[in-house]
Amino acid sequence: MRRYALTALLIGSLVAAAVLGLYFTGVFEGPAAWLGETYRGSGFFPDTEMSRVGWLEILLITVTSLGVAWCLVDIPQLGHKILVFMTILVVLMGLSPTFALYGKLFEPFSCMTAALLAATAGIIYAGTELGMRKRVLQNVLGPRVSRTILDEMMSAPEPPDFSGAVREVSVLTVRVFNDGDLREKMEPTEVLKMSNLFLRSTSDFLKSKGGYLDESGPDLVRVFFGMLKPSETHAEEACRAALELRTRLQNLNQECETRWFHRLQFGVAVSSGSMTVGVYGSPQHYFYSGVGAETDFSRRLAHANLRYDSDVLISARTFLIVSDKVEVRPMEMFYDPDEDVMSEIYQILAMKEQFTDEERQRRDQFWQGVIFYREAKYEEALDLFSRARVPGVEDGPVNFFIERTQGFLTNPDQEHAEDSYELTDEGHARLLGMM
């Protein structure tokens, strides 16, 4: 945006200087005299000597040069550029007979010359890569990025590359689990208002954090971090955004409960990996997006929050990248039979600088409890899970593991019977398809 403003200022200043030079050398005196004679002989205007409004002509030359240059440089669509230019010409031509009705002679030829020169220079600049960049970015990215990101890309020294690339990307997905229940219990207009409030709050916030809004619907919002340009901090940015979003959604739930007496049940997930990014679609309908396994995995991971009653989960790959930045606790192991890969998922608790010693102690107890749980040492696991619980505070994942541990202690056969179709043969990892 700053580059466009400076370019328009340069074009406008040069055009104004050139036209004012012609004006002061008397180039427009002949057309002005002819125009005055035409007005006096027409019978529609006062038949007296008209006085010139030279100060206004000088002012309008300057304003027209700068204004036309700015409009034609900044407006991305060619049709809109032409419309603005023609409107300015009509206004300038209309000023002359209007002043003539009051006995003032205003010659529009100098201002129209300034408008024509500024428009020509603006259109020439708009044909360059820098001049077309705004139109390209708006057509490809549209409202899917924040204004700040759009301005940074317009001011970048290198043009954006949408031809296709493989990049390390973090996918942040937000899912609403109880949209079906809300539709049954609320009026359609109220459901629409509640859904739009969720979409505005979530989408606008994630875009402000640098995310690219890939999908936005009543029950799912997905953004990519690190997709528009290579970034070494995409996972950290996504995790920070997810933690801040958790607080915002909790506040949003308070507003929803006050207005509609219902709450949103949501889950957030972050998954990182390689994706092929670029412009997909036909010439009539195209969009910038990414293709890779992380898109589906992030969607599944967000849904896994429903199982554990957690809020924000991250993948093993994401944790590997940000392990020195965030504090987490483990949930379950998952096995992908297609890739023959075992991986773990984690609940993200806080950034390291915001984690207290007491929270770290309870987290460590929970972690050790999970280890005992996987080793089928259920009495030791139950003791640690109970100590990890904060009195008076609901903790979904702690409750989840306590209930399962108690179930195994009460009914040892449950270890091999319950949900056995969801587990691997060894029983300590859940199949990926059951996430």
Protein backbone atom coordinates (compact mmCIF):
# COMPACT_ATOMS: atom_id res chain seq x y z
CA MET A 1 0.00 0.00 0.00
CA ARG A 2 2.84 2.41 0.82
CA ARG A 3 4.46 1.65 -2.51
CA TYR A 4 1.22 2.45 -4.36
CA ALA A 5 0.85 5.73 -2.44
CA LEU A 6 4.41 6.80 -3.26
CA THR A 7 3.99 5.82 -6.92
CA ALA A 8 0.73 7.79 -7.19
CA LEU A 9 2.35 10.77 -5.47
CA LEU A 10 5.27 10.68 -7.91
CA ILE A 11 3.04 10.40 -10.98
CA GLY A 12 0.68 13.10 -9.73
CA SER A 13 3.49 15.49 -8.86
CA LEU A 14 5.21 15.10 -12.24
CA VAL A 15 1.96 15.55 -14.14
CA ALA A 16 0.96 18.58 -12.05
CA ALA A 17 4.38 20.17 -12.58
CA ALA A 18 4.21 19.59 -16.34
CA VAL A 19 0.66 20.94 -16.76
CA LEU A 20 1.28 23.93 -14.48
CA GLY A 21 4.33 24.72 -16.61
CA LEU A 22 2.11 24.76 -19.68
CA TYR A 23 -0.49 26.78 -17.81
CA PHE A 24 1.91 29.56 -16.78
CA THR A 25 3.43 29.76 -20.27
CA GLY A 26 -0.01 30.61 -21.67
CA VAL A 27 -0.74 27.41 -23.60
CA PHE A 28 -4.35 27.37 -22.34
CA GLU A 29 -5.04 31.10 -22.80
CA GLY A 30 -6.34 30.63 -26.36
CA PRO A 31 -8.87 27.90 -25.43
CA ALA A 32 -9.94 29.99 -22.41
CA ALA A 33 -10.61 33.07 -24.59
CA TRP A 34 -12.57 30.98 -27.08
CA LEU A 35 -14.62 29.45 -24.27
CA GLY A 36 -15.44 32.92 -22.87
CA GLU A 37 -16.64 34.13 -26.26
CA THR A 38 -18.74 31.00 -26.69
CA TYR A 39 -20.48 31.53 -23.35
CA ARG A 40 -21.21 35.20 -24.04
CA GLY A 41 -22.60 34.47 -27.49
CA SER A 42 -24.77 31.54 -26.46
CA GLY A 43 -27.52 33.60 -24.81
CA PHE A 44 -27.67 31.32 -21.78
CA PHE A 45 -24.99 33.10 -19.73
CA PRO A 46 -24.49 36.75 -18.64
CA ASP A 47 -23.45 38.94 -21.61
CA THR A 48 -20.66 40.59 -19.65
CA GLU A 49 -16.93 40.24 -19.34
CA MET A 50 -16.26 37.15 -17.24
CA SER A 51 -13.52 37.19 -14.61
CA ARG A 52 -11.06 34.30 -14.46
CA VAL A 53 -10.78 32.11 -11.36
CA GLY A 54 -7.12 31.33 -11.88
CA TRP A 55 -6.46 30.25 -8.29
CA LEU A 56 -9.13 27.56 -8.63
CA GLU A 57 -7.70 26.36 -11.93
CA ILE A 58 -4.24 25.98 -10.37
CA LEU A 59 -5.68 24.18 -7.36
CA LEU A 60 -7.75 21.79 -9.49
CA ILE A 61 -4.78 20.99 -11.75
CA THR A 62 -2.85 19.82 -8.70
CA VAL A 63 -5.76 17.98 -7.09
CA THR A 64 -6.79 16.32 -10.36
CA SER A 65 -3.27 15.12 -11.10
CA LEU A 66 -2.83 13.55 -7.68
CA GLY A 67 -6.39 12.21 -7.43
CA VAL A 68 -6.49 10.56 -10.85
CA ALA A 69 -3.02 9.07 -10.35
CA TRP A 70 -4.02 7.59 -6.98
CA CYS A 71 -7.32 6.17 -8.26
CA LEU A 72 -5.84 4.52 -11.34
CA VAL A 73 -2.85 3.13 -9.46
CA ASP A 74 -4.82 1.82 -6.47
CA ILE A 75 -8.04 0.55 -8.10
CA PRO A 76 -7.33 -3.02 -9.30
CA GLN A 77 -10.06 -3.50 -11.93
CA LEU A 78 -9.59 -1.86 -15.35
CA GLY A 79 -13.31 -1.21 -15.78
CA HIS A 80 -13.42 0.63 -12.47
CA LYS A 81 -10.39 2.70 -13.48
CA ILE A 82 -12.10 3.83 -16.69
CA LEU A 83 -15.34 4.61 -14.84
CA VAL A 84 -13.54 6.80 -12.30
CA PHE A 85 -11.61 8.61 -15.04
CA MET A 86 -14.74 9.34 -17.08
CA THR A 87 -16.57 10.55 -13.97
CA ILE A 88 -13.77 13.01 -13.19
CA LEU A 89 -13.85 14.32 -16.77
CA VAL A 90 -17.61 14.87 -16.59
CA VAL A 91 -17.27 16.73 -13.29
CA LEU A 92 -14.51 18.96 -14.67
CA MET A 93 -16.52 19.77 -17.78
CA GLY A 94 -19.59 20.52 -15.68
CA LEU A 95 -17.72 23.00 -13.47
CA SER A 96 -17.07 25.41 -16.35
CA PRO A 97 -20.72 26.20 -17.33
CA THR A 98 -21.68 26.22 -13.65
CA PHE A 99 -19.19 29.00 -12.90
CA ALA A 100 -20.20 30.80 -16.10
CA LEU A 101 -23.75 31.20 -14.73
CA TYR A 102 -22.23 33.40 -12.01
CA GLY A 103 -20.03 35.41 -14.36
CA LYS A 104 -16.84 33.46 -13.63
CA LEU A 105 -14.70 31.93 -16.36
CA PHE A 106 -13.21 28.56 -15.53
CA GLU A 107 -11.36 26.82 -18.32
CA PRO A 108 -11.38 23.01 -17.82
CA PHE A 109 -8.83 22.18 -20.53
CA SER A 110 -5.79 22.33 -18.27
CA CYS A 111 -7.43 20.11 -15.63
CA MET A 112 -8.62 17.66 -18.30
CA THR A 113 -5.10 17.53 -19.70
CA ALA A 114 -3.78 16.76 -16.22
CA ALA A 115 -6.41 14.03 -15.81
CA LEU A 116 -5.55 12.48 -19.18
CA LEU A 117 -1.80 12.46 -18.52
CA ALA A 118 -2.19 11.08 -14.99
CA ALA A 119 -4.60 8.39 -16.23
CA THR A 120 -2.21 7.37 -19.01
CA ALA A 121 0.71 7.09 -16.60
CA GLY A 122 -1.46 5.21 -14.08
CA ILE A 123 -2.63 2.67 -16.65
CA ILE A 124 0.92 2.13 -17.88
CA TYR A 125 2.07 1.47 -14.30
CA ALA A 126 -0.92 -0.84 -13.75
CA GLY A 127 0.33 -2.97 -16.63
CA THR A 128 3.60 -3.74 -14.85
CA GLU A 129 4.03 -6.61 -12.37
CA LEU A 130 3.99 -4.22 -9.42
CA GLY A 131 0.92 -2.47 -10.75
CA MET A 132 -0.96 -5.74 -11.30
CA ARG A 133 0.09 -7.29 -8.00
CA LYS A 134 -2.84 -5.93 -6.01
CA ARG A 135 -5.37 -7.27 -8.53
CA VAL A 136 -3.64 -10.66 -8.60
CA LEU A 137 -3.55 -10.91 -4.81
CA GLN A 138 -7.18 -9.89 -4.44
CA ASN A 139 -8.30 -12.35 -7.11
CA VAL A 140 -6.29 -15.26 -5.69
CA LEU A 141 -6.44 -14.60 -1.95
CA GLY A 142 -9.45 -12.30 -1.63
CA PRO A 143 -10.75 -11.98 1.93
CA ARG A 144 -8.92 -15.12 3.11
CA VAL A 145 -6.00 -13.16 4.60
CA SER A 146 -5.78 -10.12 6.83
CA ARG A 147 -5.20 -6.64 5.48
CA THR A 148 -1.78 -6.65 7.12
CA ILE A 149 -0.67 -9.77 5.26
CA LEU A 150 -2.04 -8.39 1.99
CA ASP A 151 -0.10 -5.14 2.45
CA GLU A 152 3.10 -7.06 3.25
CA MET A 153 2.75 -9.14 0.09
CA MET A 154 2.08 -6.04 -2.01
CA SER A 155 5.18 -4.34 -0.60
CA ALA A 156 7.45 -7.38 -0.87
CA PRO A 157 10.45 -7.01 -3.19
CA GLU A 158 9.67 -10.33 -4.89
CA PRO A 159 6.36 -11.08 -6.64
CA PRO A 160 4.11 -13.76 -5.08
CA ASP A 161 4.61 -17.23 -6.49
CA PHE A 162 1.37 -19.17 -6.94
CA SER A 163 2.72 -21.64 -9.49
CA GLY A 164 3.01 -24.46 -6.94
CA ALA A 165 5.43 -25.49 -4.21
CA VAL A 166 5.94 -28.00 -1.42
CA ARG A 167 6.06 -26.31 1.97
CA GLU A 168 6.07 -27.18 5.62
CA VAL A 169 2.67 -26.03 6.86
CA SER A 170 0.73 -26.12 10.11
CA VAL A 171 -3.01 -26.72 9.78
CA LEU A 172 -5.24 -25.34 12.52
CA THR A 173 -8.78 -26.76 12.51
CA VAL A 174 -11.72 -25.73 14.70
CA ARG A 175 -14.77 -27.99 14.82
CA VAL A 176 -18.18 -27.52 16.42
CA PHE A 177 -19.58 -30.83 17.65
CA ASN A 178 -23.11 -29.92 18.74
CA ASP A 179 -24.36 -28.05 15.66
CA GLY A 180 -26.97 -30.79 15.08
CA ASP A 181 -28.35 -30.42 18.61
CA LEU A 182 -28.47 -26.65 18.23
CA ARG A 183 -30.51 -26.95 15.04
CA GLU A 184 -33.03 -29.14 16.85
CA LYS A 185 -33.36 -26.90 19.91
CA MET A 186 -33.18 -23.40 18.37
CA GLU A 187 -35.05 -21.43 15.74
CA PRO A 188 -33.31 -21.32 12.33
CA THR A 189 -32.78 -17.55 12.55
CA GLU A 190 -31.15 -17.91 15.97
CA VAL A 191 -28.95 -20.78 14.78
CA LEU A 192 -27.84 -18.58 11.90
CA LYS A 193 -26.99 -15.68 14.21
CA MET A 194 -25.06 -17.95 16.56
CA SER A 195 -23.15 -19.64 13.73
CA ASN A 196 -22.25 -16.31 12.12
CA LEU A 197 -21.00 -14.98 15.44
CA PHE A 198 -18.78 -18.06 15.77
CA LEU A 199 -17.50 -17.71 12.20
CA ARG A 200 -16.74 -14.00 12.50
CA SER A 201 -15.02 -14.36 15.85
CA THR A 202 -12.94 -17.36 14.79
CA SER A 203 -12.08 -16.46 11.20
CA ASP A 204 -11.21 -12.82 11.83
CA PHE A 205 -9.04 -13.68 14.82
CA LEU A 206 -7.10 -16.44 13.06
CA LYS A 207 -6.52 -14.21 10.02
CA SER A 208 -5.21 -11.47 12.31
CA LYS A 209 -2.66 -13.98 13.61
CA GLY A 210 -1.28 -14.58 10.12
CA GLY A 211 -3.35 -17.60 9.13
CA TYR A 212 -4.72 -18.26 5.65
CA LEU A 213 -8.44 -19.04 5.82
CA ASP A 214 -8.85 -22.17 3.73
CA GLU A 215 -12.35 -23.20 4.82
CA SER A 216 -15.07 -21.53 6.85
CA GLY A 217 -18.38 -23.21 7.59
CA PRO A 218 -20.96 -23.45 10.39
CA ASP A 219 -19.23 -26.46 11.95
CA LEU A 220 -15.61 -26.17 10.76
CA VAL A 221 -12.98 -23.46 10.30
CA ARG A 222 -9.55 -24.34 8.89
CA VAL A 223 -6.53 -22.08 8.48
CA PHE A 224 -2.98 -22.68 7.28
CA PHE A 225 0.14 -21.18 8.79
CA GLY A 226 3.29 -21.01 6.67
CA MET A 227 1.49 -21.57 3.37
CA LEU A 228 1.85 -18.15 1.73
CA LYS A 229 5.62 -18.11 2.19
CA PRO A 230 8.19 -20.42 3.78
CA SER A 231 8.30 -19.99 7.54
CA GLU A 232 10.33 -21.64 10.29
CA THR A 233 7.86 -20.53 12.97
CA HIS A 234 4.60 -21.76 11.42
CA ALA A 235 4.02 -24.39 14.13
CA GLU A 236 4.70 -21.97 16.98
CA GLU A 237 2.43 -19.36 15.41
CA ALA A 238 -0.34 -21.93 15.04
CA CYS A 239 0.01 -23.12 18.66
CA ARG A 240 -0.03 -19.58 20.03
CA ALA A 241 -3.09 -18.80 17.95
CA ALA A 242 -4.80 -22.00 19.14
CA LEU A 243 -4.22 -21.15 22.80
CA GLU A 244 -5.51 -17.60 22.37
CA LEU A 245 -8.45 -18.92 20.38
CA ARG A 246 -9.32 -21.28 23.25
CA THR A 247 -9.76 -18.28 25.55
CA ARG A 248 -11.76 -16.39 22.96
CA LEU A 249 -14.09 -19.31 22.37
CA GLN A 250 -14.63 -19.68 26.10
CA ASN A 251 -15.63 -16.01 26.24
CA LEU A 252 -17.78 -16.50 23.16
CA ASN A 253 -19.58 -19.35 24.92
CA GLN A 254 -20.46 -17.03 27.78
CA GLU A 255 -22.01 -14.61 25.30
CA CYS A 256 -23.89 -17.42 23.54
CA GLU A 257 -25.23 -18.69 26.85
CA THR A 258 -26.40 -15.19 27.77
CA ARG A 259 -28.10 -14.53 24.43
CA TRP A 260 -29.38 -17.97 23.41
CA PHE A 261 -29.06 -20.13 26.58
CA HIS A 262 -26.90 -22.59 24.65
CA ARG A 263 -23.17 -23.19 24.38
CA LEU A 264 -20.93 -24.33 21.57
CA GLN A 265 -19.04 -27.59 22.06
CA PHE A 266 -15.80 -27.12 20.17
CA GLY A 267 -12.42 -28.71 19.60
CA VAL A 268 -9.21 -27.24 18.17
CA ALA A 269 -6.30 -29.11 16.60
CA VAL A 270 -2.92 -28.28 15.07
CA SER A 271 -1.10 -30.66 12.74
CA SER A 272 2.12 -29.95 10.84
CA GLY A 273 3.64 -31.49 7.73
CA SER A 274 4.48 -31.09 4.06
CA MET A 275 1.78 -29.90 1.68
CA THR A 276 1.62 -29.04 -2.00
CA VAL A 277 0.36 -25.46 -2.17
CA GLY A 278 -0.74 -23.46 -5.18
CA VAL A 279 -3.74 -22.25 -7.18
CA TYR A 280 -6.30 -24.97 -7.86
CA GLY A 281 -9.41 -24.87 -10.04
CA SER A 282 -10.52 -23.64 -13.46
CA PRO A 283 -10.02 -20.17 -15.01
CA GLN A 284 -13.58 -19.30 -13.99
CA HIS A 285 -13.34 -20.62 -10.42
CA TYR A 286 -9.98 -20.94 -8.73
CA PHE A 287 -8.57 -20.70 -5.23
CA TYR A 288 -5.28 -20.93 -3.38
CA SER A 289 -5.04 -23.98 -1.16
CA GLY A 290 -2.89 -26.88 -0.05
CA VAL A 291 -3.13 -30.62 -0.56
CA GLY A 292 -1.69 -33.12 1.88
CA ALA A 293 -2.46 -35.65 4.57
CA GLU A 294 -2.31 -33.02 7.30
CA THR A 295 -5.63 -31.50 6.23
CA ASP A 296 -7.57 -34.67 6.98
CA PHE A 297 -5.47 -35.53 10.02
CA SER A 298 -6.10 -32.10 11.55
CA ARG A 299 -9.84 -32.55 11.02
CA ARG A 300 -9.72 -35.98 12.73
CA LEU A 301 -7.55 -34.60 15.51
CA ALA A 302 -10.00 -31.78 16.19
CA HIS A 303 -12.79 -34.35 16.46
CA ALA A 304 -10.70 -36.40 18.93
CA ASN A 305 -11.28 -33.61 21.47
CA LEU A 306 -14.81 -34.94 21.76
CA ARG A 307 -13.48 -38.29 22.98
CA TYR A 308 -11.21 -36.86 25.69
CA ASP A 309 -13.33 -33.79 26.54
CA SER A 310 -10.20 -31.75 25.78
CA ASP A 311 -9.92 -28.43 23.99
CA VAL A 312 -6.69 -28.16 21.95
CA LEU A 313 -4.76 -31.17 20.58
CA ILE A 314 -1.56 -31.21 18.53
CA SER A 315 0.10 -33.91 16.48
CA ALA A 316 3.42 -35.59 17.23
CA ARG A 317 5.06 -33.74 14.34
CA THR A 318 3.87 -30.39 15.67
CA PHE A 319 5.10 -31.23 19.17
CA LEU A 320 8.50 -32.21 17.78
CA ILE A 321 8.82 -28.74 16.20
CA VAL A 322 7.61 -26.70 19.19
CA SER A 323 8.69 -28.91 22.10
CA ASP A 324 10.91 -26.13 23.45
CA LYS A 325 8.09 -23.56 23.22
CA VAL A 326 4.99 -25.25 24.63
CA GLU A 327 3.87 -27.40 27.53
CA VAL A 328 1.77 -30.46 26.70
CA ARG A 329 0.48 -33.70 28.16
CA PRO A 330 -0.02 -36.97 26.28
CA MET A 331 -3.36 -38.46 25.31
CA GLU A 332 -3.24 -41.71 23.35
CA MET A 333 -1.07 -43.52 20.84
CA PHE A 334 -2.41 -43.95 17.32
CA TYR A 335 -1.39 -46.45 14.68
CA ASP A 336 -1.66 -45.83 10.94
CA PRO A 337 -1.81 -49.28 9.27
CA ASP A 338 -1.34 -47.82 5.78
CA GLU A 339 1.93 -46.13 6.69
CA ASP A 340 2.84 -48.61 9.47
CA VAL A 341 3.54 -45.64 11.74
CA MET A 342 2.83 -45.25 15.45
CA SER A 343 2.40 -41.70 16.75
CA GLU A 344 1.16 -39.92 19.84
CA ILE A 345 -1.18 -36.97 20.19
CA TYR A 346 -0.92 -34.31 22.88
CA GLN A 347 -3.08 -31.74 24.58
CA ILE A 348 -1.38 -28.37 24.52
CA LEU A 349 -1.64 -26.64 27.89
CA ALA A 350 0.25 -23.36 27.62
CA MET A 351 3.33 -21.67 26.29
CA LYS A 352 6.40 -22.40 28.43
CA GLU A 353 6.73 -18.84 29.71
CA GLN A 354 3.14 -18.97 31.03
CA PHE A 355 3.35 -22.36 32.77
CA THR A 356 3.63 -22.32 36.58
CA ASP A 357 5.59 -24.76 38.71
CA GLU A 358 2.40 -26.14 40.26
CA GLU A 359 0.92 -26.77 36.82
CA ARG A 360 4.13 -28.49 35.75
CA GLN A 361 4.04 -30.77 38.79
CA ARG A 362 0.44 -31.83 38.09
CA ARG A 363 1.26 -32.30 34.41
CA ASP A 364 4.20 -34.57 35.28
CA GLN A 365 1.97 -36.65 37.54
CA PHE A 366 -0.55 -37.00 34.73
CA TRP A 367 2.19 -37.98 32.29
CA GLN A 368 3.54 -40.66 34.61
CA GLY A 369 -0.01 -41.87 35.13
CA VAL A 370 -0.44 -42.31 31.39
CA ILE A 371 2.76 -44.36 31.29
CA PHE A 372 1.48 -46.64 34.06
CA TYR A 373 -1.90 -46.85 32.33
CA ARG A 374 -0.29 -48.09 29.12
CA GLU A 375 1.71 -50.61 31.13
CA ALA A 376 -1.57 -51.86 32.70
CA LYS A 377 -0.43 -50.74 36.18
CA TYR A 378 -3.87 -49.37 36.88
CA GLU A 379 -3.60 -48.83 40.66
CA GLU A 380 -0.46 -46.70 40.29
CA ALA A 381 -2.01 -44.87 37.33
CA LEU A 382 -5.21 -44.10 39.24
CA ASP A 383 -3.25 -42.66 42.16
CA LEU A 384 -1.31 -40.33 39.88
CA PHE A 385 -4.38 -39.25 37.91
CA SER A 386 -6.17 -38.41 41.15
CA ARG A 387 -3.22 -36.32 42.32
CA ALA A 388 -3.05 -34.54 38.96
CA ARG A 389 -6.64 -33.34 39.31
CA VAL A 390 -7.14 -29.74 40.50
CA PRO A 391 -9.79 -29.69 43.27
CA GLY A 392 -12.99 -28.03 42.16
CA VAL A 393 -11.90 -27.72 38.53
CA GLU A 394 -13.34 -29.87 35.75
CA ASP A 395 -10.56 -31.52 33.75
CA GLY A 396 -11.91 -33.59 30.87
CA PRO A 397 -8.77 -35.61 30.01
CA VAL A 398 -8.06 -36.43 33.68
CA ASN A 399 -11.64 -37.60 34.12
CA PHE A 400 -11.37 -39.65 30.92
CA PHE A 401 -8.34 -41.59 32.14
CA ILE A 402 -9.67 -41.95 35.69
CA GLU A 403 -12.92 -43.47 34.40
CA ARG A 404 -11.12 -45.89 32.10
CA THR A 405 -8.63 -46.86 34.79
CA GLN A 406 -11.40 -47.46 37.30
CA GLY A 407 -13.22 -49.54 34.70
CA PHE A 408 -10.21 -51.77 34.18
CA LEU A 409 -9.73 -52.19 37.94
CA THR A 410 -13.39 -53.10 38.41
CA ASN A 411 -13.59 -55.39 35.40
CA PRO A 412 -10.20 -56.72 34.26
CA ASP A 413 -11.81 -58.41 31.24
CA GLN A 414 -12.74 -54.95 29.94
CA GLU A 415 -9.11 -54.46 28.95
CA HIS A 416 -9.57 -56.94 26.13
CA ALA A 417 -13.27 -56.48 25.43
CA GLU A 418 -14.09 -52.78 25.41
CA ASP A 419 -13.52 -51.05 22.07
CA SER A 420 -11.24 -53.89 20.99
CA TYR A 421 -12.12 -53.26 17.35
CA GLU A 422 -10.62 -49.76 17.71
CA LEU A 423 -7.27 -50.98 19.04
CA THR A 424 -4.21 -52.67 17.62
CA ASP A 425 -3.54 -56.30 18.41
CA GLU A 426 -1.32 -55.27 21.32
CA GLY A 427 -4.12 -53.09 22.67
CA HIS A 428 -1.98 -50.07 23.64
CA ALA A 429 -2.65 -47.95 20.54
CA ARG A 430 -5.83 -46.87 18.82
CA LEU A 431 -6.26 -47.32 15.08
CA LEU A 432 -6.03 -44.06 13.19
CA GLY A 433 -9.40 -44.63 11.55
CA MET A 434 -11.01 -44.66 15.00
CA MET A 435 -9.80 -41.17 15.92
